[in-house]
Amino acid sequence: MDLHEEFEQASKDVQSLSEKPSNEILLKLYALYKQATEGDVQGERPGGFDFKGAAKFDAWTSVKGMGEDKAKEEYIMLVKSLMES
């Protein structure tokens, strides 16, 4: 499988995990997925009482500058580690 196919498979596999990952892991998965599919975060950080939106924005910002392939590789490795545990 090439990297794109592995990434697509990992994004499907993550839906079938036996246990829901911690919020920290979910945010890392979100950030890597968004970085791999859309690139660097855009727009303004949500404010006010949008705590979930702000957390997602911050997580995505944490991987700013990471290349698409690197983000896909890290996403795949993280999903694999979650499936093994």
PDB file of N, CA and C in Angstrom:
ATOM      1  N   MET A   1       0.829  -1.191   0.000  1.00  0.00           N
ATOM      2  CA  MET A   1       0.000   0.000   0.000  1.00  0.00           C
ATOM      3  C   MET A   1       0.870   1.249   0.000  1.00  0.00           C
ATOM      4  N   ASP A   2       0.435   2.239  -0.723  1.00  0.00           N
ATOM      5  CA  ASP A   2       1.161   3.504  -0.683  1.00  0.00           C
ATOM      6  C   ASP A   2       0.667   4.339   0.508  1.00  0.00           C
ATOM      7  N   LEU A   3       1.324   5.439   0.750  1.00  0.00           N
ATOM      8  CA  LEU A   3       1.040   6.264   1.919  1.00  0.00           C
ATOM      9  C   LEU A   3      -0.410   6.738   1.938  1.00  0.00           C
ATOM     10  N   HIS A   4      -0.911   7.161   0.779  1.00  0.00           N
ATOM     11  CA  HIS A   4      -2.298   7.653   0.710  1.00  0.00           C
ATOM     12  C   HIS A   4      -3.287   6.547   1.089  1.00  0.00           C
ATOM     13  N   GLU A   5      -3.058   5.337   0.566  1.00  0.00           N
ATOM     14  CA  GLU A   5      -3.954   4.215   0.872  1.00  0.00           C
ATOM     15  C   GLU A   5      -3.877   3.849   2.348  1.00  0.00           C
ATOM     16  N   GLU A   6      -2.659   3.846   2.905  1.00  0.00           N
ATOM     17  CA  GLU A   6      -2.494   3.553   4.331  1.00  0.00           C
ATOM     18  C   GLU A   6      -3.212   4.584   5.189  1.00  0.00           C
ATOM     19  N   PHE A   7      -3.113   5.851   4.782  1.00  0.00           N
ATOM     20  CA  PHE A   7      -3.777   6.927   5.515  1.00  0.00           C
ATOM     21  C   PHE A   7      -5.292   6.739   5.461  1.00  0.00           C
ATOM     22  N   GLU A   8      -5.821   6.448   4.294  1.00  0.00           N
ATOM     23  CA  GLU A   8      -7.263   6.222   4.149  1.00  0.00           C
ATOM     24  C   GLU A   8      -7.711   5.050   5.010  1.00  0.00           C
ATOM     25  N   GLN A   9      -6.915   3.978   5.035  1.00  0.00           N
ATOM     26  CA  GLN A   9      -7.257   2.814   5.843  1.00  0.00           C
ATOM     27  C   GLN A   9      -7.216   3.161   7.334  1.00  0.00           C
ATOM     28  N   ALA A  10      -6.206   3.921   7.742  1.00  0.00           N
ATOM     29  CA  ALA A  10      -6.087   4.315   9.147  1.00  0.00           C
ATOM     30  C   ALA A  10      -7.278   5.175   9.560  1.00  0.00           C
ATOM     31  N   SER A  11      -7.737   6.052   8.664  1.00  0.00           N
ATOM     32  CA  SER A  11      -8.879   6.903   9.008  1.00  0.00           C
ATOM     33  C   SER A  11     -10.164   6.079   9.139  1.00  0.00           C
ATOM     34  N   LYS A  12     -10.222   4.944   8.480  1.00  0.00           N
ATOM     35  CA  LYS A  12     -11.352   4.021   8.653  1.00  0.00           C
ATOM     36  C   LYS A  12     -11.168   3.203   9.931  1.00  0.00           C
ATOM     37  N   ASP A  13      -9.931   2.728  10.146  1.00  0.00           N
ATOM     38  CA  ASP A  13      -9.648   1.900  11.320  1.00  0.00           C
ATOM     39  C   ASP A  13      -9.926   2.630  12.627  1.00  0.00           C
ATOM     40  N   VAL A  14      -9.656   3.920  12.651  1.00  0.00           N
ATOM     41  CA  VAL A  14      -9.837   4.689  13.889  1.00  0.00           C
ATOM     42  C   VAL A  14     -11.307   4.695  14.315  1.00  0.00           C
ATOM     43  N   GLN A  15     -12.214   4.544  13.377  1.00  0.00           N
ATOM     44  CA  GLN A  15     -13.639   4.509  13.691  1.00  0.00           C
ATOM     45  C   GLN A  15     -14.049   3.216  14.395  1.00  0.00           C
ATOM     46  N   SER A  16     -13.228   2.184  14.265  1.00  0.00           N
ATOM     47  CA  SER A  16     -13.606   0.879  14.821  1.00  0.00           C
ATOM     48  C   SER A  16     -12.777   0.484  16.047  1.00  0.00           C
ATOM     49  N   LEU A  17     -12.167   1.463  16.699  1.00  0.00           N
ATOM     50  CA  LEU A  17     -11.405   1.158  17.906  1.00  0.00           C
ATOM     51  C   LEU A  17     -12.343   0.631  18.981  1.00  0.00           C
ATOM     52  N   SER A  18     -11.863  -0.343  19.752  1.00  0.00           N
ATOM     53  CA  SER A  18     -12.711  -0.939  20.785  1.00  0.00           C
ATOM     54  C   SER A  18     -12.961   0.015  21.946  1.00  0.00           C
ATOM     55  N   GLU A  19     -12.006   0.905  22.227  1.00  0.00           N
ATOM     56  CA  GLU A  19     -12.177   1.884  23.288  1.00  0.00           C
ATOM     57  C   GLU A  19     -11.977   3.283  22.720  1.00  0.00           C
ATOM     58  N   LYS A  20     -12.748   4.221  23.239  1.00  0.00           N
ATOM     59  CA  LYS A  20     -12.596   5.614  22.805  1.00  0.00           C
ATOM     60  C   LYS A  20     -11.295   6.164  23.400  1.00  0.00           C
ATOM     61  N   PRO A  21     -10.435   6.737  22.566  1.00  0.00           N
ATOM     62  CA  PRO A  21      -9.183   7.317  23.075  1.00  0.00           C
ATOM     63  C   PRO A  21      -9.448   8.518  23.975  1.00  0.00           C
ATOM     64  N   SER A  22      -8.451   8.897  24.738  1.00  0.00           N
ATOM     65  CA  SER A  22      -8.557  10.071  25.599  1.00  0.00           C
ATOM     66  C   SER A  22      -8.737  11.321  24.737  1.00  0.00           C
ATOM     67  N   ASN A  23      -9.207  12.383  25.363  1.00  0.00           N
ATOM     68  CA  ASN A  23      -9.377  13.646  24.640  1.00  0.00           C
ATOM     69  C   ASN A  23      -8.062  14.124  24.054  1.00  0.00           C
ATOM     70  N   GLU A  24      -6.967  13.922  24.779  1.00  0.00           N
ATOM     71  CA  GLU A  24      -5.647  14.332  24.296  1.00  0.00           C
ATOM     72  C   GLU A  24      -5.297  13.606  22.994  1.00  0.00           C
ATOM     73  N   ILE A  25      -5.549  12.310  22.953  1.00  0.00           N
ATOM     74  CA  ILE A  25      -5.274  11.506  21.750  1.00  0.00           C
ATOM     75  C   ILE A  25      -6.224  11.903  20.622  1.00  0.00           C
ATOM     76  N   LEU A  26      -7.493  12.121  20.959  1.00  0.00           N
ATOM     77  CA  LEU A  26      -8.456  12.538  19.934  1.00  0.00           C
ATOM     78  C   LEU A  26      -8.039  13.859  19.297  1.00  0.00           C
ATOM     79  N   LEU A  27      -7.548  14.789  20.105  1.00  0.00           N
ATOM     80  CA  LEU A  27      -7.095  16.072  19.561  1.00  0.00           C
ATOM     81  C   LEU A  27      -5.863  15.884  18.677  1.00  0.00           C
ATOM     82  N   LYS A  28      -4.971  14.983  19.061  1.00  0.00           N
ATOM     83  CA  LYS A  28      -3.778  14.711  18.251  1.00  0.00           C
ATOM     84  C   LYS A  28      -4.195  14.095  16.907  1.00  0.00           C
ATOM     85  N   LEU A  29      -5.119  13.151  16.947  1.00  0.00           N
ATOM     86  CA  LEU A  29      -5.631  12.545  15.712  1.00  0.00           C
ATOM     87  C   LEU A  29      -6.269  13.611  14.818  1.00  0.00           C
ATOM     88  N   TYR A  30      -7.074  14.466  15.420  1.00  0.00           N
ATOM     89  CA  TYR A  30      -7.732  15.542  14.673  1.00  0.00           C
ATOM     90  C   TYR A  30      -6.701  16.446  14.003  1.00  0.00           C
ATOM     91  N   ALA A  31      -5.713  16.863  14.789  1.00  0.00           N
ATOM     92  CA  ALA A  31      -4.698  17.790  14.274  1.00  0.00           C
ATOM     93  C   ALA A  31      -3.926  17.171  13.113  1.00  0.00           C
ATOM     94  N   LEU A  32      -3.500  15.932  13.282  1.00  0.00           N
ATOM     95  CA  LEU A  32      -2.734  15.269  12.222  1.00  0.00           C
ATOM     96  C   LEU A  32      -3.590  15.060  10.973  1.00  0.00           C
ATOM     97  N   TYR A  33      -4.852  14.690  11.163  1.00  0.00           N
ATOM     98  CA  TYR A  33      -5.740  14.476  10.025  1.00  0.00           C
ATOM     99  C   TYR A  33      -5.940  15.779   9.255  1.00  0.00           C
ATOM    100  N   LYS A  34      -6.241  16.856   9.984  1.00  0.00           N
ATOM    101  CA  LYS A  34      -6.461  18.139   9.330  1.00  0.00           C
ATOM    102  C   LYS A  34      -5.195  18.630   8.630  1.00  0.00           C
ATOM    103  N   GLN A  35      -4.039  18.439   9.268  1.00  0.00           N
ATOM    104  CA  GLN A  35      -2.781  18.876   8.669  1.00  0.00           C
ATOM    105  C   GLN A  35      -2.513  18.083   7.390  1.00  0.00           C
ATOM    106  N   ALA A  36      -2.810  16.795   7.424  1.00  0.00           N
ATOM    107  CA  ALA A  36      -2.574  15.927   6.267  1.00  0.00           C
ATOM    108  C   ALA A  36      -3.533  16.233   5.117  1.00  0.00           C
ATOM    109  N   THR A  37      -4.747  16.644   5.441  1.00  0.00           N
ATOM    110  CA  THR A  37      -5.742  16.838   4.395  1.00  0.00           C
ATOM    111  C   THR A  37      -5.933  18.287   3.968  1.00  0.00           C
ATOM    112  N   GLU A  38      -5.630  19.250   4.869  1.00  0.00           N
ATOM    113  CA  GLU A  38      -5.879  20.648   4.543  1.00  0.00           C
ATOM    114  C   GLU A  38      -4.660  21.552   4.678  1.00  0.00           C
ATOM    115  N   GLY A  39      -3.594  21.059   5.282  1.00  0.00           N
ATOM    116  CA  GLY A  39      -2.414  21.894   5.478  1.00  0.00           C
ATOM    117  C   GLY A  39      -2.522  22.714   6.750  1.00  0.00           C
ATOM    118  N   ASP A  40      -1.769  23.796   6.811  1.00  0.00           N
ATOM    119  CA  ASP A  40      -1.723  24.621   8.012  1.00  0.00           C
ATOM    120  C   ASP A  40      -3.080  25.215   8.359  1.00  0.00           C
ATOM    121  N   VAL A  41      -3.302  25.353   9.647  1.00  0.00           N
ATOM    122  CA  VAL A  41      -4.538  25.934  10.165  1.00  0.00           C
ATOM    123  C   VAL A  41      -4.724  27.348   9.623  1.00  0.00           C
ATOM    124  N   GLN A  42      -5.967  27.688   9.346  1.00  0.00           N
ATOM    125  CA  GLN A  42      -6.317  29.005   8.808  1.00  0.00           C
ATOM    126  C   GLN A  42      -7.340  29.660   9.716  1.00  0.00           C
ATOM    127  N   GLY A  43      -7.464  30.953   9.625  1.00  0.00           N
ATOM    128  CA  GLY A  43      -8.509  31.662  10.328  1.00  0.00           C
ATOM    129  C   GLY A  43      -8.151  32.034  11.749  1.00  0.00           C
ATOM    130  N   GLU A  44      -9.152  32.510  12.439  1.00  0.00           N
ATOM    131  CA  GLU A  44      -8.993  32.985  13.809  1.00  0.00           C
ATOM    132  C   GLU A  44      -9.304  31.868  14.801  1.00  0.00           C
ATOM    133  N   ARG A  45      -8.630  31.926  15.939  1.00  0.00           N
ATOM    134  CA  ARG A  45      -8.897  30.971  17.015  1.00  0.00           C
ATOM    135  C   ARG A  45     -10.266  31.280  17.613  1.00  0.00           C
ATOM    136  N   PRO A  46     -11.133  30.257  17.743  1.00  0.00           N
ATOM    137  CA  PRO A  46     -12.431  30.494  18.373  1.00  0.00           C
ATOM    138  C   PRO A  46     -12.245  31.002  19.798  1.00  0.00           C
ATOM    139  N   GLY A  47     -13.096  31.889  20.201  1.00  0.00           N
ATOM    140  CA  GLY A  47     -12.992  32.443  21.540  1.00  0.00           C
ATOM    141  C   GLY A  47     -14.273  32.249  22.310  1.00  0.00           C
ATOM    142  N   GLY A  48     -14.433  33.060  23.340  1.00  0.00           N
ATOM    143  CA  GLY A  48     -15.642  32.987  24.148  1.00  0.00           C
ATOM    144  C   GLY A  48     -15.763  31.650  24.848  1.00  0.00           C
ATOM    145  N   PHE A  49     -16.904  31.034  24.694  1.00  0.00           N
ATOM    146  CA  PHE A  49     -17.155  29.772  25.383  1.00  0.00           C
ATOM    147  C   PHE A  49     -17.051  28.571  24.454  1.00  0.00           C
ATOM    148  N   ASP A  50     -16.422  28.744  23.306  1.00  0.00           N
ATOM    149  CA  ASP A  50     -16.224  27.627  22.374  1.00  0.00           C
ATOM    150  C   ASP A  50     -14.934  26.897  22.752  1.00  0.00           C
ATOM    151  N   PHE A  51     -14.994  26.206  23.890  1.00  0.00           N
ATOM    152  CA  PHE A  51     -13.802  25.530  24.402  1.00  0.00           C
ATOM    153  C   PHE A  51     -13.351  24.390  23.486  1.00  0.00           C
ATOM    154  N   LYS A  52     -14.312  23.661  22.943  1.00  0.00           N
ATOM    155  CA  LYS A  52     -13.985  22.550  22.040  1.00  0.00           C
ATOM    156  C   LYS A  52     -13.325  23.078  20.767  1.00  0.00           C
ATOM    157  N   GLY A  53     -13.906  24.127  20.198  1.00  0.00           N
ATOM    158  CA  GLY A  53     -13.337  24.717  18.988  1.00  0.00           C
ATOM    159  C   GLY A  53     -11.944  25.263  19.225  1.00  0.00           C
ATOM    160  N   ALA A  54     -11.742  25.888  20.374  1.00  0.00           N
ATOM    161  CA  ALA A  54     -10.421  26.435  20.720  1.00  0.00           C
ATOM    162  C   ALA A  54      -9.403  25.313  20.899  1.00  0.00           C
ATOM    163  N   ALA A  55      -9.810  24.223  21.540  1.00  0.00           N
ATOM    164  CA  ALA A  55      -8.904  23.092  21.746  1.00  0.00           C
ATOM    165  C   ALA A  55      -8.500  22.471  20.414  1.00  0.00           C
ATOM    166  N   LYS A  56      -9.456  22.345  19.502  1.00  0.00           N
ATOM    167  CA  LYS A  56      -9.161  21.798  18.179  1.00  0.00           C
ATOM    168  C   LYS A  56      -8.217  22.725  17.408  1.00  0.00           C
ATOM    169  N   PHE A  57      -8.491  24.018  17.481  1.00  0.00           N
ATOM    170  CA  PHE A  57      -7.652  25.003  16.808  1.00  0.00           C
ATOM    171  C   PHE A  57      -6.221  24.928  17.350  1.00  0.00           C
ATOM    172  N   ASP A  58      -6.092  24.878  18.681  1.00  0.00           N
ATOM    173  CA  ASP A  58      -4.770  24.809  19.314  1.00  0.00           C
ATOM    174  C   ASP A  58      -4.031  23.530  18.929  1.00  0.00           C
ATOM    175  N   ALA A  59      -4.758  22.427  18.880  1.00  0.00           N
ATOM    176  CA  ALA A  59      -4.137  21.151  18.505  1.00  0.00           C
ATOM    177  C   ALA A  59      -3.627  21.221  17.069  1.00  0.00           C
ATOM    178  N   TRP A  60      -4.436  21.746  16.179  1.00  0.00           N
ATOM    179  CA  TRP A  60      -4.046  21.859  14.773  1.00  0.00           C
ATOM    180  C   TRP A  60      -2.863  22.810  14.641  1.00  0.00           C
ATOM    181  N   THR A  61      -2.885  23.898  15.392  1.00  0.00           N
ATOM    182  CA  THR A  61      -1.778  24.856  15.368  1.00  0.00           C
ATOM    183  C   THR A  61      -0.468  24.208  15.812  1.00  0.00           C
ATOM    184  N   SER A  62      -0.562  23.224  16.708  1.00  0.00           N
ATOM    185  CA  SER A  62       0.643  22.567  17.240  1.00  0.00           C
ATOM    186  C   SER A  62       1.419  21.797  16.169  1.00  0.00           C
ATOM    187  N   VAL A  63       0.788  21.479  15.056  1.00  0.00           N
ATOM    188  CA  VAL A  63       1.478  20.758  13.978  1.00  0.00           C
ATOM    189  C   VAL A  63       1.682  21.646  12.742  1.00  0.00           C
ATOM    190  N   LYS A  64       1.498  22.944  12.932  1.00  0.00           N
ATOM    191  CA  LYS A  64       1.667  23.893  11.830  1.00  0.00           C
ATOM    192  C   LYS A  64       3.069  23.761  11.231  1.00  0.00           C
ATOM    193  N   GLY A  65       3.135  23.744   9.922  1.00  0.00           N
ATOM    194  CA  GLY A  65       4.411  23.625   9.230  1.00  0.00           C
ATOM    195  C   GLY A  65       4.806  22.195   8.894  1.00  0.00           C
ATOM    196  N   MET A  66       4.122  21.228   9.479  1.00  0.00           N
ATOM    197  CA  MET A  66       4.411  19.823   9.192  1.00  0.00           C
ATOM    198  C   MET A  66       3.920  19.505   7.785  1.00  0.00           C
ATOM    199  N   GLY A  67       4.719  18.784   7.036  1.00  0.00           N
ATOM    200  CA  GLY A  67       4.341  18.411   5.679  1.00  0.00           C
ATOM    201  C   GLY A  67       3.215  17.394   5.654  1.00  0.00           C
ATOM    202  N   GLU A  68       2.521  17.340   4.530  1.00  0.00           N
ATOM    203  CA  GLU A  68       1.395  16.422   4.363  1.00  0.00           C
ATOM    204  C   GLU A  68       1.803  14.967   4.603  1.00  0.00           C
ATOM    205  N   ASP A  69       2.903  14.541   3.993  1.00  0.00           N
ATOM    206  CA  ASP A  69       3.328  13.149   4.145  1.00  0.00           C
ATOM    207  C   ASP A  69       3.716  12.829   5.580  1.00  0.00           C
ATOM    208  N   LYS A  70       4.403  13.739   6.234  1.00  0.00           N
ATOM    209  CA  LYS A  70       4.812  13.539   7.628  1.00  0.00           C
ATOM    210  C   LYS A  70       3.576  13.424   8.518  1.00  0.00           C
ATOM    211  N   ALA A  71       2.581  14.279   8.294  1.00  0.00           N
ATOM    212  CA  ALA A  71       1.338  14.230   9.076  1.00  0.00           C
ATOM    213  C   ALA A  71       0.625  12.896   8.855  1.00  0.00           C
ATOM    214  N   LYS A  72       0.593  12.440   7.618  1.00  0.00           N
ATOM    215  CA  LYS A  72      -0.035  11.142   7.321  1.00  0.00           C
ATOM    216  C   LYS A  72       0.705  10.018   8.023  1.00  0.00           C
ATOM    217  N   GLU A  73       2.037  10.050   7.977  1.00  0.00           N
ATOM    218  CA  GLU A  73       2.836   9.000   8.625  1.00  0.00           C
ATOM    219  C   GLU A  73       2.579   8.968  10.129  1.00  0.00           C
ATOM    220  N   GLU A  74       2.564  10.131  10.761  1.00  0.00           N
ATOM    221  CA  GLU A  74       2.335  10.187  12.209  1.00  0.00           C
ATOM    222  C   GLU A  74       0.922   9.738  12.557  1.00  0.00           C
ATOM    223  N   TYR A  75      -0.046  10.100  11.734  1.00  0.00           N
ATOM    224  CA  TYR A  75      -1.433   9.679  11.951  1.00  0.00           C
ATOM    225  C   TYR A  75      -1.527   8.153  11.882  1.00  0.00           C
ATOM    226  N   ILE A  76      -0.929   7.580  10.855  1.00  0.00           N
ATOM    227  CA  ILE A  76      -0.953   6.126  10.669  1.00  0.00           C
ATOM    228  C   ILE A  76      -0.312   5.433  11.865  1.00  0.00           C
ATOM    229  N   MET A  77       0.852   5.924  12.307  1.00  0.00           N
ATOM    230  CA  MET A  77       1.543   5.306  13.445  1.00  0.00           C
ATOM    231  C   MET A  77       0.704   5.400  14.714  1.00  0.00           C
ATOM    232  N   LEU A  78       0.053   6.531  14.921  1.00  0.00           N
ATOM    233  CA  LEU A  78      -0.774   6.706  16.112  1.00  0.00           C
ATOM    234  C   LEU A  78      -1.970   5.761  16.091  1.00  0.00           C
ATOM    235  N   VAL A  79      -2.633   5.645  14.964  1.00  0.00           N
ATOM    236  CA  VAL A  79      -3.776   4.734  14.843  1.00  0.00           C
ATOM    237  C   VAL A  79      -3.325   3.298  15.080  1.00  0.00           C
ATOM    238  N   LYS A  80      -2.198   2.908  14.495  1.00  0.00           N
ATOM    239  CA  LYS A  80      -1.692   1.549  14.698  1.00  0.00           C
ATOM    240  C   LYS A  80      -1.408   1.283  16.160  1.00  0.00           C
ATOM    241  N   SER A  81      -0.814   2.242  16.854  1.00  0.00           N
ATOM    242  CA  SER A  81      -0.517   2.045  18.269  1.00  0.00           C
ATOM    243  C   SER A  81      -1.811   1.926  19.088  1.00  0.00           C
ATOM    244  N   LEU A  82      -2.835   2.660  18.722  1.00  0.00           N
ATOM    245  CA  LEU A  82      -4.114   2.571  19.422  1.00  0.00           C
ATOM    246  C   LEU A  82      -4.785   1.226  19.179  1.00  0.00           C
ATOM    247  N   MET A  83      -4.638   0.682  17.983  1.00  0.00           N
ATOM    248  CA  MET A  83      -5.238  -0.605  17.652  1.00  0.00           C
ATOM    249  C   MET A  83      -4.543  -1.759  18.363  1.00  0.00           C
ATOM    250  N   GLU A  84      -3.253  -1.568  18.664  1.00  0.00           N
ATOM    251  CA  GLU A  84      -2.488  -2.615  19.328  1.00  0.00           C
ATOM    252  C   GLU A  84      -2.704  -2.623  20.839  1.00  0.00           C
ATOM    253  N   SER A  85      -3.181  -1.518  21.375  1.00  0.00           N
ATOM    254  CA  SER A  85      -3.332  -1.452  22.836  1.00  0.00           C
ATOM    255  C   SER A  85      -4.712  -1.881  23.306  1.00  0.00           C
TER     256      SER A  85
END
